[in-house]
Protein backbone atom coordinates (compact mmCIF):
# COMPACT_ATOMS: atom_id res chain seq x y z
CA MET A 1 -41.78 133.01 77.11
CA SER A 2 -43.23 129.51 77.03
CA ARG A 3 -45.34 128.20 79.91
CA GLU A 4 -46.96 124.79 79.59
CA TYR A 5 -49.44 123.96 82.32
CA LEU A 6 -49.60 120.25 83.11
CA LYS A 7 -52.02 121.17 85.89
CA GLU A 8 -53.54 124.60 86.40
CA ALA A 9 -55.39 126.06 89.37
CA GLY A 10 -57.60 129.10 89.61
CA ASP A 11 -56.43 132.33 91.18
CA ALA A 12 -56.45 132.42 94.95
CA SER A 13 -58.18 135.16 96.87
CA LEU A 14 -58.99 136.08 100.44
CA GLU A 15 -62.68 136.78 100.06
CA ILE A 16 -64.36 136.71 103.44
CA PRO A 17 -67.94 135.40 103.31
CA ARG A 18 -70.55 137.96 104.35
CA ASP A 19 -71.79 135.77 107.18
CA VAL A 20 -68.25 135.65 108.63
CA THR A 21 -67.92 139.44 108.38
CA ASP A 22 -71.25 139.95 110.15
CA SER A 23 -70.48 137.35 112.81
CA VAL A 24 -67.08 138.88 113.55
CA ARG A 25 -68.61 142.35 113.79
CA ASP A 26 -71.01 141.05 116.45
CA ILE A 27 -68.14 139.37 118.31
CA VAL A 28 -66.01 142.51 118.27
CA ASP A 29 -68.93 144.63 119.45
CA THR A 30 -69.66 142.20 122.28
CA VAL A 31 -66.09 142.33 123.56
CA ARG A 32 -65.93 146.13 123.27
CA GLU A 33 -69.19 146.61 125.13
CA ASP A 34 -69.14 143.78 127.67
CA GLY A 35 -65.42 143.27 128.30
CA ASP A 36 -64.47 140.23 130.36
CA GLU A 37 -68.03 138.97 130.72
CA GLY A 38 -68.59 139.21 126.99
CA LEU A 39 -65.37 137.32 126.41
CA ARG A 40 -66.40 134.60 128.88
CA GLU A 41 -69.79 134.25 127.21
CA LEU A 42 -68.20 133.95 123.76
CA THR A 43 -65.79 131.33 125.11
CA ARG A 44 -68.75 129.35 126.44
CA THR A 45 -70.51 129.69 123.09
CA PHE A 46 -67.64 128.84 120.74
CA ASP A 47 -65.34 126.67 122.87
CA ASP A 48 -67.86 125.11 125.27
CA VAL A 49 -65.56 126.19 128.09
CA ASP A 50 -66.53 128.08 131.24
CA ARG A 51 -63.42 129.65 132.71
CA GLU A 52 -63.57 132.41 135.31
CA GLU A 53 -59.92 133.49 135.24
CA LEU A 54 -58.85 134.64 131.80
CA ARG A 55 -55.18 135.02 132.65
CA VAL A 56 -53.05 131.89 132.76
CA SER A 57 -51.47 131.51 136.20
CA ASP A 58 -47.85 130.72 136.99
CA ALA A 59 -49.05 127.40 138.40
CA GLU A 60 -50.67 126.50 135.10
CA ILE A 61 -47.49 127.37 133.22
CA ALA A 62 -45.43 125.22 135.57
CA ALA A 63 -47.90 122.36 135.22
CA ALA A 64 -47.69 122.56 131.44
CA ALA A 65 -43.91 122.29 131.59
CA GLU A 66 -44.18 119.27 133.88
CA GLU A 67 -46.60 117.60 131.49
CA LEU A 68 -44.02 117.67 128.70
CA SER A 69 -41.17 115.21 128.47
CA GLU A 70 -37.57 116.42 128.63
CA ALA A 71 -37.22 115.71 124.92
CA GLU A 72 -40.31 117.80 124.12
CA ARG A 73 -39.02 120.72 126.19
CA ARG A 74 -35.57 120.48 124.57
CA THR A 75 -37.15 120.49 121.12
CA ILE A 76 -39.21 123.59 121.83
CA ASP A 77 -36.23 125.30 123.49
CA ASN A 78 -34.08 124.55 120.44
CA THR A 79 -36.53 126.22 118.09
CA ILE A 80 -36.85 129.25 120.36
CA GLU A 81 -33.07 129.57 120.64
CA ASN A 82 -32.57 129.36 116.88
CA VAL A 83 -35.30 131.93 116.25
CA ARG A 84 -33.79 134.16 118.94
CA GLU A 85 -30.29 133.93 117.47
CA PHE A 86 -31.48 134.76 113.95
CA HIS A 87 -33.56 137.75 115.06
CA GLU A 88 -30.81 139.05 117.35
CA GLU A 89 -28.52 139.11 114.32
CA GLN A 90 -31.24 140.88 112.38
CA GLN A 91 -31.58 143.46 115.15
CA SER A 92 -27.83 144.09 115.23
CA ASN A 93 -27.95 145.03 111.55
CA LEU A 94 -30.72 147.61 111.91
CA ASN A 95 -29.47 151.12 112.41
CA GLY A 96 -30.94 154.56 112.73
CA PHE A 97 -28.83 157.54 111.75
CA GLU A 98 -28.23 161.23 112.41
CA ARG A 99 -26.44 163.63 110.09
CA GLU A 100 -25.99 167.37 109.56
CA PHE A 101 -27.39 167.87 106.06
CA ALA A 102 -26.67 171.59 105.98
CA ASP A 103 -25.21 174.10 108.40
CA GLY A 104 -27.48 174.07 111.41
CA VAL A 105 -29.82 171.38 110.03
CA THR A 106 -29.48 167.97 111.67
CA LEU A 107 -31.87 165.19 110.62
CA GLY A 108 -32.13 161.56 111.64
CA THR A 109 -34.19 158.48 112.34
CA ARG A 110 -34.59 156.30 115.41
CA LEU A 111 -35.89 152.74 115.57
CA VAL A 112 -38.27 152.69 118.52
CA PRO A 113 -40.23 149.62 119.67
CA ILE A 114 -43.95 149.74 120.20
CA GLU A 115 -44.93 149.67 123.87
CA ARG A 116 -47.29 146.67 123.92
CA ALA A 117 -47.70 143.86 121.40
CA GLY A 118 -50.56 141.38 121.24
CA VAL A 119 -49.80 137.95 119.84
CA TYR A 120 -52.37 135.37 118.82
CA VAL A 121 -51.39 131.69 118.94
CA PRO A 122 -53.96 129.60 117.05
CA GLY A 123 -55.35 126.20 117.88
CA GLY A 124 -57.04 124.65 114.86
CA ARG A 125 -56.55 121.13 113.54
CA LYS A 126 -53.13 120.83 115.17
CA PRO A 127 -51.60 123.08 117.84
CA LEU A 128 -48.83 125.13 116.25
CA VAL A 129 -46.03 124.70 118.77
CA ALA A 130 -43.46 126.70 116.79
CA ALA A 131 -45.81 129.67 116.32
CA PRO A 132 -45.06 131.38 119.68
CA ALA A 133 -41.36 131.53 118.86
CA MET A 134 -42.09 133.22 115.54
CA THR A 135 -44.28 135.98 116.93
CA ILE A 136 -43.12 136.50 120.51
CA VAL A 137 -39.32 136.25 120.19
CA PRO A 138 -38.98 139.06 117.58
CA ALA A 139 -41.10 141.33 119.78
CA VAL A 140 -38.89 140.66 122.79
CA ILE A 141 -35.72 141.28 120.79
CA ALA A 142 -37.18 144.47 119.33
CA GLY A 143 -37.50 145.74 122.90
CA VAL A 144 -41.28 145.76 123.25
CA ASP A 145 -42.14 146.66 126.84
CA GLU A 146 -44.95 144.14 127.22
CA VAL A 147 -45.94 141.13 125.13
CA VAL A 148 -49.49 139.87 125.63
CA ALA A 149 -50.39 136.46 124.20
CA CYS A 150 -53.76 134.79 123.70
CA ALA A 151 -54.51 131.17 122.83
CA PRO A 152 -57.78 129.22 122.64
CA PRO A 153 -58.72 126.76 125.38
CA GLN A 154 -58.78 123.00 125.20
CA GLY A 155 -61.90 121.20 126.30
CA ASP A 156 -60.86 121.42 129.95
CA GLY A 157 -60.29 125.16 129.75
CA SER A 158 -56.49 125.02 129.72
CA VAL A 159 -54.08 126.01 126.97
CA GLN A 160 -52.43 123.13 125.13
CA PRO A 161 -49.31 122.38 127.24
CA ALA A 162 -46.68 122.53 124.49
CA GLN A 163 -48.07 125.84 123.26
CA LEU A 164 -48.23 127.25 126.78
CA TYR A 165 -44.67 126.19 127.54
CA ALA A 166 -43.50 127.69 124.23
CA MET A 167 -45.28 131.00 124.90
CA ASP A 168 -43.71 131.27 128.32
CA GLN A 169 -40.22 130.34 127.16
CA ALA A 170 -40.43 132.67 124.17
CA GLY A 171 -40.93 135.59 126.54
CA ALA A 172 -44.65 136.40 126.79
CA ASP A 173 -45.29 138.66 129.78
CA GLU A 174 -48.97 137.77 130.12
CA ILE A 175 -50.88 134.82 128.66
CA TYR A 176 -54.67 134.69 128.40
CA VAL A 177 -57.14 131.98 127.50
CA ALA A 178 -59.10 133.44 124.60
CA GLY A 179 -59.55 132.22 121.06
CA GLY A 180 -60.69 133.36 117.66
CA ALA A 181 -62.09 136.76 116.79
CA GLN A 182 -62.90 137.51 120.43
CA ALA A 183 -59.21 137.27 121.36
CA ILE A 184 -58.29 139.74 118.62
CA ALA A 185 -61.00 142.14 119.80
CA ALA A 186 -59.90 141.82 123.43
CA MET A 187 -56.30 142.68 122.62
CA ALA A 188 -57.33 145.52 120.31
CA TYR A 189 -59.79 147.25 122.64
CA GLY A 190 -58.90 145.84 126.04
CA THR A 191 -61.16 144.42 128.74
CA GLU A 192 -61.12 144.65 132.51
CA THR A 193 -58.47 141.91 132.51
CA ILE A 194 -56.77 141.91 129.11
CA PRO A 195 -54.87 145.12 128.31
CA SER A 196 -55.25 146.83 124.96
CA VAL A 197 -52.17 146.62 122.73
CA ASP A 198 -50.60 148.72 120.01
CA LYS A 199 -50.27 145.98 117.40
CA VAL A 200 -51.80 142.53 116.93
CA THR A 201 -49.83 139.80 115.17
CA GLY A 202 -50.09 136.10 114.49
CA PRO A 203 -51.92 133.69 112.18
CA GLY A 204 -55.41 132.27 112.49
CA ASN A 205 -58.53 131.08 110.71
CA VAL A 206 -60.88 133.16 108.60
CA TYR A 207 -62.56 134.61 111.72
CA VAL A 208 -59.21 135.73 113.11
CA ILE A 209 -58.27 137.23 109.75
CA GLU A 210 -61.54 139.13 109.52
CA ALA A 211 -61.22 140.34 113.12
CA LYS A 212 -57.75 141.71 112.38
CA ARG A 213 -59.17 143.49 109.35
CA GLN A 214 -61.96 145.04 111.41
CA VAL A 215 -59.72 146.27 114.25
CA TYR A 216 -57.00 147.58 111.92
CA GLY A 217 -56.68 151.32 112.29
CA HIS A 218 -57.46 151.25 115.99
CA VAL A 219 -54.39 149.01 116.32
CA GLY A 220 -51.73 147.95 113.89
CA ILE A 221 -51.60 144.43 112.48
CA ASP A 222 -48.91 142.42 110.76
CA PHE A 223 -50.85 141.46 107.61
CA LEU A 224 -53.87 139.49 106.47
CA ALA A 225 -52.80 135.99 105.52
CA GLY A 226 -54.68 133.15 103.89
CA PRO A 227 -53.90 129.42 103.65
CA THR A 228 -50.27 128.38 103.29
CA GLU A 229 -48.48 128.28 99.92
CA VAL A 230 -45.37 126.74 98.43
CA LEU A 231 -43.88 127.08 94.97
CA ILE A 232 -40.98 124.82 94.03
CA VAL A 233 -38.63 125.66 91.16
CA ALA A 234 -36.93 122.47 89.99
CA ASP A 235 -34.54 121.45 87.24
CA GLU A 236 -33.34 118.07 86.01
CA THR A 237 -31.13 117.66 89.10
CA ALA A 238 -34.10 117.62 91.47
CA ASP A 239 -35.19 114.31 92.96
CA PRO A 240 -38.89 113.82 92.01
CA GLU A 241 -39.51 111.95 95.25
CA MET A 242 -38.28 114.88 97.35
CA VAL A 243 -40.17 117.39 95.22
CA ALA A 244 -43.40 115.45 95.76
CA THR A 245 -42.74 115.12 99.49
CA ASP A 246 -42.18 118.85 99.89
CA LEU A 247 -45.31 119.72 97.88
CA LEU A 248 -47.41 117.45 100.08
CA ALA A 249 -45.86 118.86 103.26
CA GLN A 250 -47.64 122.13 102.54
CA ALA A 251 -50.76 120.63 100.97
CA GLU A 252 -51.57 118.80 104.22
CA HIS A 253 -52.08 122.06 106.12
CA ASP A 254 -55.51 122.90 104.78
CA PRO A 255 -57.80 121.96 101.89
CA ARG A 256 -57.28 125.50 100.63
CA SER A 257 -53.47 125.32 100.75
CA ARG A 258 -51.70 125.99 97.46
CA ALA A 259 -48.74 124.00 96.15
CA ALA A 260 -47.10 124.60 92.79
CA LEU A 261 -44.22 123.13 90.82
CA VAL A 262 -42.37 125.09 88.14
CA ALA A 263 -39.94 122.83 86.29
CA THR A 264 -37.44 123.49 83.56
CA ASP A 265 -37.50 119.77 82.73
CA ARG A 266 -40.75 118.08 81.69
CA GLU A 267 -39.58 114.60 82.68
CA THR A 268 -38.83 115.77 86.23
CA ALA A 269 -42.23 117.45 86.48
CA GLU A 270 -44.12 114.37 85.32
CA ALA A 271 -42.13 112.09 87.61
CA ALA A 272 -42.80 114.36 90.58
CA VAL A 273 -46.55 114.34 89.94
CA GLU A 274 -46.55 110.55 89.62
CA GLU A 275 -44.58 110.27 92.85
CA LEU A 276 -46.98 112.66 94.60
CA HIS A 277 -49.94 110.41 93.81
CA GLU A 278 -48.00 107.38 95.07
CA GLN A 279 -47.19 109.12 98.36
CA LEU A 280 -50.70 110.45 99.04
CA PRO A 281 -52.19 107.14 100.29
CA THR A 282 -49.36 106.79 102.81
CA LEU A 283 -50.23 110.03 104.61
CA ARG A 284 -52.36 110.17 107.73
CA THR A 285 -53.47 113.54 106.35
CA GLU A 286 -54.36 112.09 102.94
CA ASP A 287 -57.86 113.56 102.73
CA ILE A 288 -56.71 117.13 103.34
CA ALA A 289 -53.61 116.89 101.15
CA GLU A 290 -55.49 115.25 98.28
CA GLN A 291 -58.24 117.88 98.26
CA SER A 292 -55.67 120.66 98.45
CA TRP A 293 -53.70 119.25 95.54
CA GLU A 294 -56.72 118.48 93.37
CA ASP A 295 -58.31 121.89 93.93
CA ASN A 296 -55.27 124.14 94.10
CA GLY A 297 -52.18 122.28 92.87
CA GLU A 298 -50.36 123.62 89.84
CA VAL A 299 -47.60 122.25 87.59
CA VAL A 300 -45.87 124.42 84.98
CA VAL A 301 -43.11 123.48 82.56
CA VAL A 302 -40.97 126.39 81.33
CA ASP A 303 -38.04 126.80 78.96
CA ASP A 304 -35.34 127.95 81.34
CA ARG A 305 -34.53 129.36 84.77
CA GLU A 306 -35.31 132.93 83.77
CA ALA A 307 -38.80 131.84 82.79
CA ALA A 308 -39.12 129.92 86.05
CA ALA A 309 -38.16 133.04 88.01
CA ALA A 310 -40.80 135.03 86.13
CA VAL A 311 -43.50 132.52 87.08
CA ALA A 312 -42.35 132.57 90.70
CA ASN A 313 -42.46 136.36 90.81
CA ASP A 314 -45.96 136.35 89.33
CA TRP A 315 -47.11 133.82 91.93
CA ALA A 316 -45.44 135.74 94.80
CA PRO A 317 -45.65 132.70 97.10
CA GLU A 318 -45.35 132.47 100.84
CA HIS A 319 -42.61 129.82 100.58
CA LEU A 320 -40.32 129.56 97.56
CA GLN A 321 -38.07 126.49 97.23
CA VAL A 322 -35.35 126.41 94.59
CA MET A 323 -34.34 122.80 93.97
CA THR A 324 -31.70 123.26 91.27
CA ASP A 325 -28.01 122.50 90.87
CA ASP A 326 -26.99 126.10 91.64
CA PRO A 327 -29.92 127.80 93.37
CA ARG A 328 -28.05 131.02 94.13
CA ASP A 329 -27.92 131.73 90.40
CA LEU A 330 -31.60 132.64 90.65
CA MET A 331 -31.48 134.81 93.77
CA ASP A 332 -31.07 138.13 91.99
CA ASP A 333 -34.05 137.36 89.75
CA LEU A 334 -36.39 136.35 92.58
CA ARG A 335 -38.16 139.29 94.20
CA ASN A 336 -41.58 138.21 95.46
CA TYR A 337 -41.67 135.62 98.23
CA GLY A 338 -42.19 135.37 101.97
CA SER A 339 -39.15 133.17 102.59
CA LEU A 340 -36.65 131.58 100.21
CA PHE A 341 -35.34 128.02 100.57
CA LEU A 342 -32.20 127.37 98.53
CA GLY A 343 -31.10 123.92 97.43
CA HIS A 344 -32.21 120.32 97.54
CA HIS A 345 -31.72 120.10 101.31
CA ALA A 346 -33.68 123.18 102.43
CA PRO A 347 -37.36 122.18 102.73
CA VAL A 348 -40.01 124.56 104.02
CA VAL A 349 -40.41 122.42 107.15
CA PHE A 350 -37.02 123.63 108.39
CA GLY A 351 -38.11 127.26 108.21
CA ASP A 352 -41.51 126.42 109.64
CA LYS A 353 -40.25 124.54 112.65
CA ALA A 354 -36.60 124.77 113.58
CA VAL A 355 -33.94 126.63 111.61
CA GLY A 356 -34.54 130.13 113.03
CA THR A 357 -36.03 132.23 110.24
CA ASN A 358 -39.62 133.31 110.72
CA HIS A 359 -42.55 131.26 109.47
CA THR A 360 -45.28 133.88 109.89
CA LEU A 361 -45.25 134.97 106.26
CA PRO A 362 -47.41 136.76 103.68
CA THR A 363 -49.67 134.80 101.33
CA LEU A 364 -51.94 135.63 98.39
CA GLU A 365 -49.34 137.80 96.61
CA VAL A 366 -48.86 140.05 99.65
CA SER A 367 -45.13 139.36 99.26
CA ARG A 368 -45.22 141.77 96.31
CA TYR A 369 -45.15 144.55 98.91
CA SER A 370 -44.46 143.03 102.32
CA GLY A 371 -42.26 140.50 104.06
CA GLY A 372 -43.10 138.31 107.04
CA ILE A 373 -42.90 138.96 110.76
CA ASN A 374 -39.45 140.08 111.88
CA VAL A 375 -37.89 142.45 114.38
CA THR A 376 -39.03 145.49 112.37
CA THR A 377 -42.65 144.34 112.71
CA TYR A 378 -42.47 145.65 116.27
CA LEU A 379 -40.39 148.77 115.54
CA LYS A 380 -41.40 152.25 114.44
CA VAL A 381 -39.02 154.26 112.25
CA LEU A 382 -39.27 157.73 113.76
CA THR A 383 -37.69 160.82 112.25
CA HIS A 384 -36.34 163.86 114.08
CA GLN A 385 -34.87 167.20 113.17
CA GLU A 386 -32.85 169.79 115.07
CA VAL A 387 -32.45 173.20 113.43
CA THR A 388 -30.42 176.18 114.63
CA ALA A 389 -31.30 179.80 113.87
CA GLU A 390 -28.76 179.74 111.03
CA GLY A 391 -30.23 176.56 109.61
CA ALA A 392 -33.78 177.90 109.90
CA ASP A 393 -32.87 181.05 107.99
CA GLY A 394 -31.80 178.93 105.03
CA ILE A 395 -34.88 176.68 105.02
CA ALA A 396 -37.59 179.17 105.89
CA PRO A 397 -37.89 180.94 102.49
CA TRP A 398 -38.35 177.60 100.71
CA ALA A 399 -40.95 176.42 103.22
CA ALA A 400 -42.79 179.74 103.14
CA LYS A 401 -42.98 179.66 99.33
CA ILE A 402 -44.50 176.17 99.40
CA CYS A 403 -47.05 177.42 101.93
CA GLU A 404 -47.86 180.38 99.68
CA LEU A 405 -48.51 177.99 96.79
CA GLU A 406 -50.74 175.83 98.98
CA GLY A 407 -52.59 178.74 100.57
CA THR A 408 -51.71 177.60 104.09
CA HIS A 409 -51.37 181.07 105.57
CA ALA A 410 -50.57 180.27 109.19
CA HIS A 411 -47.95 177.78 108.04
CA GLN A 412 -46.39 180.49 105.88
CA ILE A 413 -46.19 182.91 108.79
CA SER A 414 -44.60 180.22 110.97
CA ALA A 415 -41.90 179.75 108.34
CA GLU A 416 -41.40 183.46 107.63
CA LYS A 417 -40.78 184.28 111.28
CA ARG A 418 -37.62 182.15 111.02
CA ILE A 419 -36.17 184.40 108.27
CA THR A 420 -33.71 186.51 110.26
CA THR A 421 -30.85 187.57 107.98
CA ASP A 422 -30.31 189.55 104.82
CA ASP A 423 -29.37 186.33 103.05
CA GLY A 424 -32.67 184.76 104.05
CA ARG A 425 -34.67 187.77 102.91
CA SER A 426 -32.72 187.89 99.65
CA LEU A 427 -33.55 184.25 98.94
CA ALA A 428 -37.22 184.93 99.70
CA ARG A 429 -37.24 187.76 97.16
CA ASP A 430 -35.52 185.53 94.59
CA LEU A 431 -38.36 183.06 95.06
CA ASP A 432 -40.92 185.85 94.53
CA LEU A 433 -42.33 185.18 97.98
CA GLU A 434 -45.14 187.52 98.88
CA SER A 435 -44.93 187.93 102.63
CA GLY A 436 -47.88 186.63 104.57
CA GLY A 437 -47.08 189.02 107.40
CA GLY A 438 -44.49 186.99 109.25
CA VAL A 439 -41.55 189.16 108.17
CA ASP A 440 -40.77 192.28 106.17
CA LEU A 441 -39.02 191.11 103.00
CA SER A 442 -38.28 194.55 101.56
CA GLU A 443 -34.72 195.15 100.49
CA GLY A 444 -32.49 197.14 102.80
CA GLU A 445 -34.57 196.49 105.92
């Protein structure tokens, strides 16, 4: 399979610098030991904000809504509604089951929501207004009892109004002013004010990522995600101008963002790269996008669509755009991606901001084994079994024999005591079970 690299980037990785790891450990320990006061001190240190009340009041939420224009509120509401509609449909297609697998043996699963979810809404270079919809709405639809949200303060100690309005409208039960690693620690371990949660979700910077890694095990997390990624598969029908635009739309996020083009047509690839360099100077985010592209951009020319799919699967990108004449032809071959965007008119920005699918997605090849945030992120798949005396008699000899092989004596006795009929004893003898003392297996008992 031929792959010609017109531009090649090194492999991406999520290596956390040692100083970040050590700093986050200190932050987590401070919050665990000092609770609210530790959190306030960290907020003074990192945000230069002194705020006594950590919880956002109803008055602050109302004031944030008033600060937005009607058009801004409508825009946020539209995104929330689209995300809600998509995830409600997702929920309606998730089913547990229960079935009698043998006489007297009924097995099943239930989808049960976690009790309390903690959602982090990052600040950063630009406030992510769509982020609350992506993390809070699926939790609400999953049936989580309580959704706790944290966001970093602005200079005046308040949460950015559009973010605060979005968190409230998305369905957060409690909203707190706390940012960075200290917010993750507060939700994981709890303070006098902020309750501990069962699972922490949401994106963030390297300190947030490292904090999630350190608290994982005490609480669940969604996944560890790095800078955003896009890979575009294009053929000769793709418009080079649009390809370049969509590559830059992701490159502008962060200097470490990754954008790649895999083209089955060399002329289209070269034209897209030329167009990208023409568009760069027109961007207000030129410096970030240019560094991202120069450091991490990649352009590959391949022989055909099958080869393009193979490159895409190797890359396992967060966002995968297919800009070809018949994008669905590739769907069965594409396996590793966070979210798939089919056709010339389906840019990543739609999924990121408005269409309704989730934009909190895996990066750095995590899509090889995990998808993004969805309703199931907040659900547990729990199994159950109900067994009658008749059913137990049929299972017990098999279970007891396994226990004999393992040497788990008390387990074996527990199983043997459920052997109650001649048929059960006969099966135990057929399996050469040597009784552990739970039942007499001699013939003709």
